[in-house]
N, C-alpha and C. Protein backbone atom coordinates (compact mmCIF):
# COMPACT_ATOMS: atom_id res chain seq x y z
N MET A 1 43.22 -18.30 -8.54
CA MET A 1 44.54 -19.10 -8.07
C MET A 1 45.70 -19.70 -8.94
N GLU A 2 45.48 -18.93 -10.18
CA GLU A 2 46.80 -19.48 -11.00
C GLU A 2 47.91 -18.50 -10.67
N GLY A 3 48.88 -19.23 -10.77
CA GLY A 3 50.44 -18.47 -10.53
C GLY A 3 50.43 -18.98 -9.24
N TRP A 4 49.85 -19.57 -8.32
CA TRP A 4 50.23 -20.09 -6.87
C TRP A 4 50.87 -21.54 -7.10
N THR A 5 52.12 -21.39 -6.47
CA THR A 5 52.90 -22.80 -6.37
C THR A 5 52.37 -23.32 -5.04
N ALA A 6 52.82 -24.52 -5.33
CA ALA A 6 52.13 -25.73 -4.06
C ALA A 6 52.94 -25.25 -2.70
N SER A 7 54.11 -24.82 -2.54
CA SER A 7 54.77 -24.26 -1.48
C SER A 7 53.95 -23.16 -0.64
N SER A 8 53.29 -22.12 -2.05
CA SER A 8 52.67 -20.96 -1.59
C SER A 8 51.44 -21.30 -0.67
N LEU A 9 50.69 -22.29 -1.57
CA LEU A 9 49.32 -23.02 -1.03
C LEU A 9 49.64 -23.48 0.67
N LEU A 10 50.78 -24.46 0.39
CA LEU A 10 50.93 -25.04 1.75
C LEU A 10 50.88 -23.80 3.00
N CYS A 11 51.89 -23.11 2.59
CA CYS A 11 51.99 -21.69 3.73
C CYS A 11 51.03 -21.00 4.03
N LEU A 12 49.99 -20.74 3.10
CA LEU A 12 48.66 -20.06 3.25
C LEU A 12 47.94 -21.01 4.43
N LEU A 13 47.94 -22.26 3.86
CA LEU A 13 47.00 -23.19 4.92
C LEU A 13 47.74 -23.38 6.14
N ALA A 14 48.94 -23.38 6.16
CA ALA A 14 49.73 -23.46 7.85
C ALA A 14 49.47 -22.11 8.54
N VAL A 15 49.28 -20.82 7.77
CA VAL A 15 48.92 -19.76 8.49
C VAL A 15 47.45 -19.85 9.22
N ARG A 16 46.66 -20.20 8.27
CA ARG A 16 45.26 -20.27 8.91
C ARG A 16 44.69 -21.50 9.74
N LEU A 17 45.79 -22.51 9.81
CA LEU A 17 45.62 -23.25 10.75
C LEU A 17 46.49 -22.98 12.27
N PHE A 18 47.35 -22.02 11.92
CA PHE A 18 47.90 -21.30 13.22
C PHE A 18 47.19 -20.46 13.91
N CYS A 19 46.27 -19.73 12.81
CA CYS A 19 45.37 -18.65 13.46
C CYS A 19 44.33 -19.11 14.62
N GLY A 20 43.93 -20.32 13.92
CA GLY A 20 42.75 -21.09 14.24
C GLY A 20 42.88 -21.83 15.50
N ALA A 21 44.44 -22.33 15.62
CA ALA A 21 44.43 -22.94 16.92
C ALA A 21 44.74 -21.84 18.21
N ALA A 22 45.33 -20.72 17.48
CA ALA A 22 45.64 -19.55 18.36
C ALA A 22 44.61 -18.76 18.71
N GLY A 23 43.22 -18.99 18.55
CA GLY A 23 41.94 -18.32 18.93
C GLY A 23 41.94 -17.22 18.00
N VAL A 24 42.53 -16.70 17.05
CA VAL A 24 42.66 -15.60 16.20
C VAL A 24 41.26 -15.85 15.04
N THR A 25 40.79 -14.47 14.74
CA THR A 25 39.89 -14.63 14.10
C THR A 25 40.18 -14.01 13.09
N GLU A 26 39.80 -14.16 11.72
CA GLU A 26 40.16 -13.39 10.34
C GLU A 26 39.09 -12.11 10.51
N CYS A 27 39.44 -11.19 10.13
CA CYS A 27 38.51 -9.91 10.22
C CYS A 27 38.43 -9.63 8.58
N HIS A 28 36.84 -9.81 8.25
CA HIS A 28 36.66 -9.56 6.91
C HIS A 28 35.49 -8.11 7.34
N ASP A 29 36.04 -7.01 6.55
CA ASP A 29 35.47 -5.71 6.90
C ASP A 29 34.51 -5.55 5.71
N ARG A 30 33.37 -5.71 5.94
CA ARG A 30 32.17 -5.16 4.65
C ARG A 30 31.21 -4.03 4.91
N ALA A 31 30.88 -3.76 3.88
CA ALA A 31 29.88 -2.67 4.00
C ALA A 31 28.54 -3.00 4.87
N LEU A 32 28.14 -2.22 5.45
CA LEU A 32 26.60 -2.61 6.18
C LEU A 32 25.89 -1.70 5.90
N ASP A 33 24.87 -2.23 5.44
CA ASP A 33 23.49 -1.76 4.89
C ASP A 33 22.36 -2.36 5.56
N ILE A 34 21.82 -1.79 6.36
CA ILE A 34 20.92 -2.86 7.53
C ILE A 34 19.47 -2.13 6.90
N GLN A 35 18.40 -3.43 6.94
CA GLN A 35 17.00 -2.99 6.54
C GLN A 35 16.38 -3.65 7.84
N ALA A 36 15.51 -2.59 8.01
CA ALA A 36 14.35 -3.25 9.19
C ALA A 36 13.30 -2.45 8.97
N VAL A 37 12.45 -3.09 9.83
CA VAL A 37 11.10 -2.42 9.78
C VAL A 37 10.76 -1.52 11.08
N GLU A 38 9.70 -0.53 11.18
CA GLU A 38 9.77 0.38 12.12
C GLU A 38 9.27 -0.41 13.39
N GLY A 39 9.91 0.07 14.37
CA GLY A 39 9.39 -0.83 15.98
C GLY A 39 10.49 -2.15 16.24
N SER A 40 11.22 -2.63 14.99
CA SER A 40 11.91 -4.12 15.75
C SER A 40 13.20 -3.68 16.17
N ASN A 41 13.69 -4.47 16.34
CA ASN A 41 15.32 -4.30 17.16
C ASN A 41 16.29 -4.74 16.02
N VAL A 42 17.31 -4.17 15.73
CA VAL A 42 18.39 -4.36 14.93
C VAL A 42 19.73 -4.45 15.56
N THR A 43 20.58 -5.11 15.01
CA THR A 43 21.85 -5.43 15.55
C THR A 43 23.06 -4.90 14.67
N VAL A 44 24.17 -3.89 15.13
CA VAL A 44 24.87 -3.25 14.11
C VAL A 44 26.31 -4.00 14.49
N GLU A 45 27.11 -4.60 13.53
CA GLU A 45 27.96 -5.33 13.94
C GLU A 45 29.41 -5.41 13.03
N TRP A 46 30.42 -5.19 13.22
CA TRP A 46 31.26 -5.37 12.38
C TRP A 46 32.77 -5.60 13.27
N CYS A 47 33.70 -6.29 12.40
CA CYS A 47 35.02 -6.52 13.35
C CYS A 47 36.24 -5.85 12.86
N PHE A 48 36.91 -5.16 14.15
CA PHE A 48 37.77 -4.27 14.03
C PHE A 48 39.11 -4.71 14.18
N SER A 49 39.31 -5.90 14.76
CA SER A 49 40.78 -6.55 15.18
C SER A 49 40.58 -8.13 15.22
N SER A 50 41.75 -8.71 14.99
CA SER A 50 41.35 -9.94 14.55
C SER A 50 42.47 -10.88 15.95
N ARG A 51 42.58 -9.85 16.92
CA ARG A 51 43.07 -10.15 18.02
C ARG A 51 42.19 -10.49 19.18
N ALA A 52 42.17 -11.79 20.30
CA ALA A 52 41.52 -12.14 20.91
C ALA A 52 42.16 -10.98 22.54
N ASN A 53 41.13 -11.25 23.37
CA ASN A 53 41.45 -10.91 24.51
C ASN A 53 41.71 -9.38 24.69
N ILE A 54 41.17 -8.48 23.96
CA ILE A 54 41.33 -7.05 24.00
C ILE A 54 40.80 -6.42 25.38
N SER A 55 41.66 -5.59 25.54
CA SER A 55 41.09 -4.87 27.04
C SER A 55 40.15 -3.62 26.48
N ILE A 56 39.01 -3.40 27.34
CA ILE A 56 38.17 -2.86 26.49
C ILE A 56 38.57 -1.45 27.05
N SER A 57 39.32 -1.15 28.24
CA SER A 57 39.74 0.06 28.82
C SER A 57 40.93 0.62 27.62
N SER A 58 41.23 0.06 26.81
CA SER A 58 42.03 0.75 25.54
C SER A 58 41.21 0.95 24.50
N LEU A 59 39.71 1.05 24.42
CA LEU A 59 38.96 1.29 23.36
C LEU A 59 38.54 2.69 23.46
N LYS A 60 38.34 3.29 22.28
CA LYS A 60 37.36 4.54 22.21
C LYS A 60 36.60 4.59 21.34
N ILE A 61 35.01 4.66 21.44
CA ILE A 61 34.37 4.55 20.06
C ILE A 61 33.37 5.45 20.32
N HIS A 62 33.30 6.58 19.07
CA HIS A 62 32.26 7.61 18.96
C HIS A 62 31.82 7.68 17.72
N CYS A 63 30.52 7.35 17.60
CA CYS A 63 29.46 7.12 16.75
C CYS A 63 28.71 8.30 16.43
N LEU A 64 28.82 8.50 15.20
CA LEU A 64 27.61 9.91 15.04
C LEU A 64 26.98 9.61 13.84
N MET A 65 25.65 10.20 13.63
CA MET A 65 24.39 10.07 12.67
C MET A 65 25.08 11.20 11.70
N ASP A 66 25.02 11.07 10.15
CA ASP A 66 25.23 11.92 9.32
C ASP A 66 24.16 12.40 8.89
N PRO A 67 23.88 13.99 8.56
CA PRO A 67 25.03 14.82 8.85
C PRO A 67 24.70 15.61 9.64
N GLU A 68 23.93 15.39 10.54
CA GLU A 68 23.15 16.02 11.77
C GLU A 68 24.43 15.87 12.98
N LEU A 69 25.23 15.24 13.16
CA LEU A 69 26.34 14.97 14.05
C LEU A 69 25.55 14.57 15.64
N LYS A 70 24.60 13.98 14.87
CA LYS A 70 23.86 13.48 16.45
C LYS A 70 24.92 12.14 16.92
N VAL A 71 25.16 12.45 18.23
CA VAL A 71 25.85 11.15 18.74
C VAL A 71 24.83 10.02 18.98
N PHE A 72 25.37 8.57 18.39
CA PHE A 72 24.79 7.53 18.38
C PHE A 72 25.29 6.72 19.41
N TYR A 73 26.25 6.74 19.85
CA TYR A 73 27.36 5.66 20.91
C TYR A 73 28.26 6.33 20.94
N HIS A 74 28.71 6.19 22.38
CA HIS A 74 30.06 6.97 22.65
C HIS A 74 30.56 5.96 23.92
N LEU A 75 31.67 5.54 23.87
CA LEU A 75 32.58 4.55 24.93
C LEU A 75 33.92 4.95 24.75
N ASP A 76 34.16 5.55 26.18
CA ASP A 76 35.47 5.71 26.68
C ASP A 76 35.65 5.50 28.16
N ASP A 77 36.55 4.50 28.47
CA ASP A 77 36.44 4.02 29.68
C ASP A 77 37.89 4.78 30.46
N ILE A 78 38.26 5.42 29.52
CA ILE A 78 39.32 5.91 30.19
C ILE A 78 39.19 7.58 30.67
N PHE A 79 38.42 8.27 30.20
CA PHE A 79 38.24 9.67 30.03
C PHE A 79 36.67 9.79 30.49
N ARG A 80 35.86 8.88 31.88
CA ARG A 80 34.53 8.82 32.03
C ARG A 80 33.92 10.29 32.34
N MET A 81 35.03 11.10 33.23
CA MET A 81 34.38 12.41 33.50
C MET A 81 33.63 13.29 32.19
N ILE A 82 34.35 13.19 31.11
CA ILE A 82 33.97 13.78 30.00
C ILE A 82 33.26 12.92 29.00
N LYS A 83 32.63 11.91 29.23
CA LYS A 83 31.80 10.94 28.54
C LYS A 83 30.57 11.76 28.10
N GLU A 84 30.21 11.88 26.70
CA GLU A 84 29.39 12.42 25.71
C GLU A 84 27.99 11.43 25.89
N PRO A 85 26.88 11.84 26.09
CA PRO A 85 25.44 11.01 26.03
C PRO A 85 25.37 11.19 24.87
N PRO A 86 24.67 10.03 24.38
CA PRO A 86 24.12 9.99 23.10
C PRO A 86 22.50 11.37 22.87
N HIS A 87 22.43 11.37 21.67
CA HIS A 87 21.69 12.31 21.37
C HIS A 87 19.96 11.62 22.06
N GLU A 88 18.99 12.67 22.50
CA GLU A 88 18.02 12.13 22.83
C GLU A 88 17.19 11.18 22.00
N GLN A 89 17.49 11.20 20.66
CA GLN A 89 16.64 10.38 19.94
C GLN A 89 17.32 9.07 20.06
N PHE A 90 18.33 8.66 20.45
CA PHE A 90 19.14 7.38 20.67
C PHE A 90 19.19 6.96 22.18
N ALA A 91 18.88 7.75 23.27
CA ALA A 91 18.89 7.82 24.68
C ALA A 91 17.96 6.59 25.10
N GLY A 92 18.85 5.70 25.65
CA GLY A 92 18.42 4.33 26.25
C GLY A 92 18.07 2.87 25.29
N ARG A 93 18.38 3.12 23.87
CA ARG A 93 17.91 2.52 22.75
C ARG A 93 19.33 1.72 22.46
N VAL A 94 20.56 2.08 22.56
CA VAL A 94 21.79 1.59 21.85
C VAL A 94 22.50 0.98 23.13
N GLN A 95 22.64 -0.24 23.22
CA GLN A 95 23.43 -1.16 23.93
C GLN A 95 24.67 -1.84 23.22
N CYS A 96 25.90 -1.56 23.94
CA CYS A 96 27.34 -2.29 23.14
C CYS A 96 27.39 -3.82 23.79
N ASP A 97 27.78 -4.70 23.05
CA ASP A 97 28.15 -6.19 24.08
C ASP A 97 29.46 -5.97 24.12
N LYS A 98 29.87 -5.81 25.42
CA LYS A 98 31.45 -5.88 26.06
C LYS A 98 32.01 -7.15 25.87
N ASP A 99 31.25 -8.22 25.73
CA ASP A 99 32.09 -9.38 25.55
C ASP A 99 32.60 -9.42 24.08
N ALA A 100 31.79 -9.13 23.13
CA ALA A 100 32.03 -8.86 21.58
C ALA A 100 33.19 -7.96 21.43
N LEU A 101 33.34 -7.13 22.26
CA LEU A 101 34.51 -6.23 22.42
C LEU A 101 35.61 -6.69 22.70
N ARG A 102 35.78 -7.90 23.37
CA ARG A 102 36.92 -8.29 23.71
C ARG A 102 37.54 -9.36 22.69
N THR A 103 36.86 -9.62 22.00
CA THR A 103 36.94 -10.26 20.79
C THR A 103 37.28 -9.86 19.27
N GLY A 104 37.20 -8.63 19.64
CA GLY A 104 37.80 -7.81 18.27
C GLY A 104 36.63 -7.47 17.23
N ARG A 105 35.28 -7.44 17.88
CA ARG A 105 34.37 -7.16 17.29
C ARG A 105 33.04 -5.92 18.08
N VAL A 106 32.74 -5.06 17.40
CA VAL A 106 31.75 -4.24 17.82
C VAL A 106 30.52 -4.90 17.53
N ARG A 107 29.70 -4.83 18.58
CA ARG A 107 28.22 -5.50 18.35
C ARG A 107 26.96 -4.34 18.66
N LEU A 108 26.39 -3.52 18.36
CA LEU A 108 25.53 -2.38 18.86
C LEU A 108 24.15 -2.97 18.62
N HIS A 109 23.52 -3.26 19.86
CA HIS A 109 21.91 -3.62 19.87
C HIS A 109 21.06 -2.40 19.58
N VAL A 110 20.20 -1.79 18.84
CA VAL A 110 19.56 -0.91 18.55
C VAL A 110 18.24 -1.42 19.09
N SER A 111 17.57 -0.99 19.95
CA SER A 111 16.23 -1.10 20.08
C SER A 111 14.73 -0.45 19.73
N ARG A 112 13.54 -0.81 19.16
CA ARG A 112 12.83 0.07 18.58
C ARG A 112 12.94 1.16 17.90
N VAL A 113 13.46 0.64 16.59
CA VAL A 113 14.20 1.67 15.41
C VAL A 113 12.84 2.27 14.92
N GLN A 114 13.26 3.54 14.49
CA GLN A 114 12.28 4.47 14.12
C GLN A 114 12.46 5.10 12.76
N MET A 115 11.50 5.47 12.29
CA MET A 115 11.52 6.12 10.92
C MET A 115 12.54 7.16 10.83
N ASN A 116 12.73 8.05 11.80
CA ASN A 116 14.05 8.96 11.57
C ASN A 116 15.19 8.28 12.15
N ASP A 117 15.61 7.00 12.51
CA ASP A 117 16.81 6.44 12.44
C ASP A 117 17.34 6.32 11.15
N SER A 118 16.56 6.32 10.13
CA SER A 118 17.27 6.21 8.87
C SER A 118 18.20 7.05 8.19
N GLY A 119 19.32 6.42 7.66
CA GLY A 119 20.59 7.68 7.26
C GLY A 119 21.86 7.03 7.66
N ARG A 120 22.64 7.66 7.70
CA ARG A 120 24.29 7.33 7.28
C ARG A 120 25.06 7.62 8.70
N TYR A 121 25.83 6.64 9.35
CA TYR A 121 26.52 6.94 10.30
C TYR A 121 27.68 6.50 9.87
N ARG A 122 28.58 6.89 10.96
CA ARG A 122 30.43 6.82 11.02
C ARG A 122 30.87 6.67 12.11
N CYS A 123 31.42 5.60 12.76
CA CYS A 123 31.88 5.00 14.02
C CYS A 123 33.52 5.59 13.89
N ARG A 124 34.09 6.16 14.76
CA ARG A 124 35.63 6.29 14.81
C ARG A 124 35.88 5.35 15.91
N MET A 125 37.11 4.77 15.77
CA MET A 125 37.54 4.00 16.77
C MET A 125 38.87 4.01 16.98
N LEU A 126 39.19 4.34 18.10
CA LEU A 126 40.74 4.13 18.77
C LEU A 126 41.08 2.79 19.31
N THR A 127 42.09 2.12 18.93
CA THR A 127 42.33 0.70 19.40
C THR A 127 43.89 0.92 19.93
N GLY A 128 44.33 -0.10 20.05
CA GLY A 128 45.87 -0.38 20.67
C GLY A 128 46.55 -0.51 19.74
N SER A 129 45.91 -0.79 18.25
CA SER A 129 46.73 -1.20 17.02
C SER A 129 46.60 -0.03 15.88
N GLY A 130 45.83 0.83 16.24
CA GLY A 130 45.80 2.23 15.68
C GLY A 130 44.32 2.79 15.46
N ARG A 131 43.82 3.87 14.39
CA ARG A 131 42.78 4.29 14.41
C ARG A 131 41.82 3.35 13.28
N LYS A 132 40.32 3.38 13.29
CA LYS A 132 39.59 2.73 12.46
C LYS A 132 38.09 3.72 12.39
N VAL A 133 38.04 3.86 10.95
CA VAL A 133 36.58 4.55 10.87
C VAL A 133 36.09 3.46 10.15
N LYS A 134 34.50 3.27 10.76
CA LYS A 134 33.28 2.23 10.16
C LYS A 134 31.98 3.21 9.49
N PRO A 135 32.13 3.37 8.70
CA PRO A 135 30.42 3.75 8.32
C PRO A 135 29.80 2.66 8.17
N PHE A 136 28.48 2.96 8.05
CA PHE A 136 26.99 1.87 8.18
C PHE A 136 26.07 2.69 7.56
N SER A 137 24.50 2.35 7.58
CA SER A 137 23.64 3.22 7.20
C SER A 137 22.25 2.28 7.67
N LEU A 138 21.50 2.88 8.15
CA LEU A 138 20.10 2.07 8.48
C LEU A 138 18.86 2.86 7.46
N ASN A 139 18.22 1.95 6.97
CA ASN A 139 17.16 1.85 6.18
C ASN A 139 15.75 1.59 6.82
N ILE A 140 15.00 2.52 7.71
CA ILE A 140 13.93 1.88 8.23
C ILE A 140 12.42 2.07 7.46
N THR A 141 11.90 1.12 7.20
CA THR A 141 10.52 1.06 6.76
C THR A 141 9.39 1.12 7.44
N ALA A 142 8.17 1.87 7.03
CA ALA A 142 7.18 2.01 7.78
C ALA A 142 6.60 0.46 8.20
N ALA A 143 6.10 0.26 9.11
CA ALA A 143 5.43 -1.01 9.63
C ALA A 143 4.10 -1.15 8.83
N GLU A 144 3.50 -2.25 8.00
CA GLU A 144 2.36 -2.41 7.82
C GLU A 144 1.37 -1.75 8.58
N PRO A 145 0.14 -1.73 8.37
CA PRO A 145 -0.88 -1.45 9.49
C PRO A 145 -1.49 -2.57 9.78
N LYS A 146 -1.95 -2.83 11.06
CA LYS A 146 -2.88 -3.54 11.56
C LYS A 146 -4.00 -3.85 11.00
N PRO A 147 -4.45 -5.06 10.34
CA PRO A 147 -5.92 -5.07 9.66
C PRO A 147 -6.81 -4.80 10.54
N LEU A 148 -7.94 -3.98 10.45
CA LEU A 148 -8.99 -3.58 11.25
C LEU A 148 -9.74 -4.47 11.23
N THR A 149 -9.98 -4.79 12.88
CA THR A 149 -10.96 -5.81 13.26
C THR A 149 -12.41 -5.37 13.59
N PRO A 150 -13.41 -5.81 12.80
CA PRO A 150 -14.87 -5.39 12.93
C PRO A 150 -15.33 -5.13 14.50
N GLU A 151 -15.86 -3.96 14.63
CA GLU A 151 -16.09 -3.63 15.79
C GLU A 151 -17.44 -4.48 16.68
N PRO A 152 -17.30 -5.38 17.63
CA PRO A 152 -18.37 -6.49 18.14
C PRO A 152 -19.32 -5.78 18.57
N HIS A 153 -20.62 -5.99 17.68
CA HIS A 153 -22.06 -5.36 17.96
C HIS A 153 -22.32 -6.08 19.32
N PRO A 154 -23.12 -4.75 19.97
CA PRO A 154 -23.60 -5.36 21.44
C PRO A 154 -24.55 -6.22 21.13
N GLU A 155 -24.62 -7.22 21.73
CA GLU A 155 -25.79 -8.28 21.92
C GLU A 155 -27.12 -7.35 22.57
N PRO A 156 -28.44 -7.79 22.44
CA PRO A 156 -29.18 -7.43 22.68
C PRO A 156 -29.65 -7.77 24.10
N GLU A 157 -30.08 -6.78 24.96
CA GLU A 157 -29.90 -7.25 26.50
C GLU A 157 -31.33 -8.17 26.55
N PRO A 158 -30.94 -9.23 27.39
CA PRO A 158 -31.82 -10.10 27.81
C PRO A 158 -33.12 -9.90 28.47
N GLU A 159 -34.22 -10.38 28.27
CA GLU A 159 -35.37 -9.66 28.73
C GLU A 159 -35.37 -10.04 30.13
N SER A 160 -36.15 -9.23 31.13
CA SER A 160 -36.35 -9.20 32.57
C SER A 160 -36.36 -10.60 32.87
N ARG A 161 -35.57 -11.06 34.07
CA ARG A 161 -35.94 -12.28 34.47
C ARG A 161 -37.63 -12.61 34.74
N GLY A 162 -38.28 -11.66 35.48
CA GLY A 162 -39.46 -11.56 35.92
C GLY A 162 -40.56 -11.79 34.80
N ARG A 163 -40.38 -11.35 33.72
CA ARG A 163 -41.26 -11.55 32.68
C ARG A 163 -41.53 -13.02 32.18
N PRO A 164 -40.78 -14.10 32.49
CA PRO A 164 -41.04 -15.29 32.19
C PRO A 164 -42.05 -15.72 32.90
N GLY A 165 -41.70 -15.55 34.72
CA GLY A 165 -42.62 -16.08 35.48
C GLY A 165 -43.69 -15.17 35.65
N LEU A 166 -44.16 -13.85 34.87
CA LEU A 166 -45.26 -13.01 34.94
C LEU A 166 -46.16 -13.83 33.96
N TYR A 167 -45.49 -14.17 32.71
CA TYR A 167 -46.18 -15.10 31.57
C TYR A 167 -46.83 -16.31 32.30
N ALA A 168 -45.67 -16.99 32.69
CA ALA A 168 -46.28 -18.12 33.53
C ALA A 168 -47.79 -18.25 34.50
N GLY A 169 -47.59 -16.82 35.30
CA GLY A 169 -48.42 -16.86 36.15
C GLY A 169 -49.58 -16.54 35.63
N LEU A 170 -49.50 -15.66 34.39
CA LEU A 170 -50.77 -15.37 34.01
C LEU A 170 -51.39 -16.26 32.92
N GLY A 171 -50.71 -17.46 32.73
CA GLY A 171 -51.05 -18.94 32.01
C GLY A 171 -51.90 -19.33 32.88
N LEU A 172 -51.18 -19.26 34.39
CA LEU A 172 -52.01 -20.59 35.28
C LEU A 172 -53.11 -19.86 35.87
N ALA A 173 -53.26 -18.09 35.96
CA ALA A 173 -54.43 -17.68 36.10
C ALA A 173 -55.97 -18.34 34.90
N ALA A 174 -55.17 -17.90 33.66
CA ALA A 174 -56.43 -18.34 32.83
C ALA A 174 -56.78 -19.43 32.72
N ALA A 175 -55.81 -20.56 33.11
CA ALA A 175 -56.28 -22.26 33.12
C ALA A 175 -56.96 -22.08 34.34
N ALA A 176 -57.10 -21.53 35.65
CA ALA A 176 -57.85 -21.55 36.93
C ALA A 176 -59.06 -20.91 36.41
N ALA A 177 -59.03 -19.67 35.69
CA ALA A 177 -60.49 -19.04 35.55
C ALA A 177 -61.27 -20.18 34.66
N ALA A 178 -60.35 -20.79 33.25
CA ALA A 178 -61.55 -21.49 32.53
C ALA A 178 -61.80 -22.86 33.31
N LEU A 179 -60.82 -23.61 34.47
CA LEU A 179 -61.63 -24.48 35.29
C LEU A 179 -62.67 -23.94 35.64
N LEU A 180 -62.45 -22.79 36.56
CA LEU A 180 -63.83 -22.34 37.37
C LEU A 180 -64.82 -22.40 36.73
N SER A 181 -64.77 -21.83 35.41
CA SER A 181 -66.14 -21.68 34.60
C SER A 181 -66.46 -22.78 34.08
N VAL A 182 -65.87 -23.95 34.03
CA VAL A 182 -66.25 -25.29 33.66
C VAL A 182 -67.15 -25.73 34.89
N CYS A 183 -66.62 -25.42 35.97
CA CYS A 183 -66.89 -26.42 37.02
C CYS A 183 -68.59 -25.51 37.51
N ARG A 184 -68.20 -24.14 37.13
CA ARG A 184 -69.74 -23.31 37.69
C ARG A 184 -70.62 -23.95 36.74
N CYS A 185 -70.58 -24.19 35.10
CA CYS A 185 -71.47 -24.49 34.10
C CYS A 185 -71.98 -26.16 34.79
N LEU A 186 -70.96 -26.88 34.92
CA LEU A 186 -71.33 -28.09 35.55
C LEU A 186 -72.36 -28.07 36.62
N TYR A 187 -71.79 -27.20 37.92
CA TYR A 187 -72.43 -26.79 39.07
C TYR A 187 -74.05 -26.44 38.83
N ILE A 188 -74.30 -25.44 37.59
CA ILE A 188 -75.67 -25.13 37.24
C ILE A 188 -76.24 -25.99 36.52
N GLN A 189 -75.51 -26.66 35.88
CA GLN A 189 -76.16 -27.82 34.64
C GLN A 189 -77.14 -29.13 35.79
N LYS A 190 -76.13 -28.89 36.84
CA LYS A 190 -76.51 -30.20 37.97
C LYS A 190 -77.46 -29.93 38.97
N LEU A 191 -77.75 -28.31 39.31
CA LEU A 191 -78.75 -27.98 40.09
C LEU A 191 -80.22 -28.14 38.82
N LYS A 192 -79.81 -27.91 37.66
CA LYS A 192 -81.01 -28.15 37.01
C LYS A 192 -81.56 -29.46 36.48
N LEU A 193 -80.98 -30.30 36.88
CA LEU A 193 -80.99 -31.63 36.81
C LEU A 193 -81.87 -32.24 37.91
N LEU A 194 -81.41 -31.57 39.02
CA LEU A 194 -82.00 -31.94 40.03
C LEU A 194 -83.40 -31.35 40.24
N LYS A 195 -83.42 -29.81 39.90
CA LYS A 195 -84.75 -29.32 39.83
C LYS A 195 -85.58 -30.23 39.27
N LEU A 196 -85.67 -30.28 38.03
CA LEU A 196 -86.48 -31.04 37.11
C LEU A 196 -86.82 -32.55 37.69
N HIS A 197 -85.97 -33.19 38.24
CA HIS A 197 -86.23 -34.25 39.28
C HIS A 197 -87.11 -33.90 40.32
N GLN A 198 -87.25 -33.12 40.84
CA GLN A 198 -87.97 -32.88 42.33
C GLN A 198 -89.47 -32.37 41.66
N GLU A 199 -89.52 -31.46 40.70
CA GLU A 199 -90.91 -31.21 40.46
C GLU A 199 -91.88 -32.18 40.10
N PRO A 200 -91.35 -33.27 39.35
CA PRO A 200 -92.71 -34.52 39.28
C PRO A 200 -93.29 -34.95 40.91
N GLN A 201 -92.03 -35.08 41.76
CA GLN A 201 -92.62 -35.51 42.87
C GLN A 201 -93.52 -34.87 43.85
N GLU A 202 -93.03 -33.49 43.73
CA GLU A 202 -93.86 -32.33 44.25
C GLU A 202 -95.32 -32.25 43.69
N HIS A 203 -95.40 -32.36 42.45
CA HIS A 203 -96.79 -32.46 41.78
C HIS A 203 -97.81 -33.48 42.19
N ASN A 204 -97.46 -34.96 42.42
CA ASN A 204 -97.96 -35.83 42.76
C ASN A 204 -98.35 -35.60 43.97
N MET A 205 -97.61 -35.31 45.19
CA MET A 205 -97.80 -35.26 46.40
C MET A 205 -98.83 -34.16 46.53
N VAL A 206 -98.98 -33.28 45.71
CA VAL A 206 -100.19 -32.15 45.73
C VAL A 206 -101.71 -32.90 45.38
N HIS A 207 -100.93 -34.10 44.50
CA HIS A 207 -103.05 -34.47 44.04
C HIS A 207 -103.11 -35.72 45.08
N LEU A 208 -102.24 -36.23 46.05
CA LEU A 208 -102.83 -36.90 47.07
C LEU A 208 -103.03 -36.18 48.07
């Protein structure tokens, strides 16, 4: 800023204030080197004019991928009959924000970038104020592999529902058999006691 006079600084400030009040944005052109991961979505954006309310019908945009010259994007609202479709590699994946074009910016949305999208691109533009060429590059890196999740081990099949009932039935049968055996033993013992009690009585009756 050395060598600038106070009047020069005031003039510069006045120009910026006037541009801001008039809705005109400053257009800073910079190199575009976009890094992205495979499968993600990216936006390629740059400024081509500082004027507002630009008519889209006056714009022509033709973007190619170098050095294969694959059509990346094409816009020409005047000559629609000779519109050049994008290369099959980019078909359905590149969309242009028309609202941004009216403000002097190109904004291209690229969905699901692929590894073979990496490379250098060149966009030629024809505007009401002249021609413009904008180069940019895409550098797509491979997505990190997802961590392997251990396969779930199949749980052992539960035992048949009939088995617990079977075991319960067998237990009840064993208990019933044991109880019957005890009752039988008690009955036999009782018969023996009765028999022993009757024998002396019969013996006495014989003697009489």
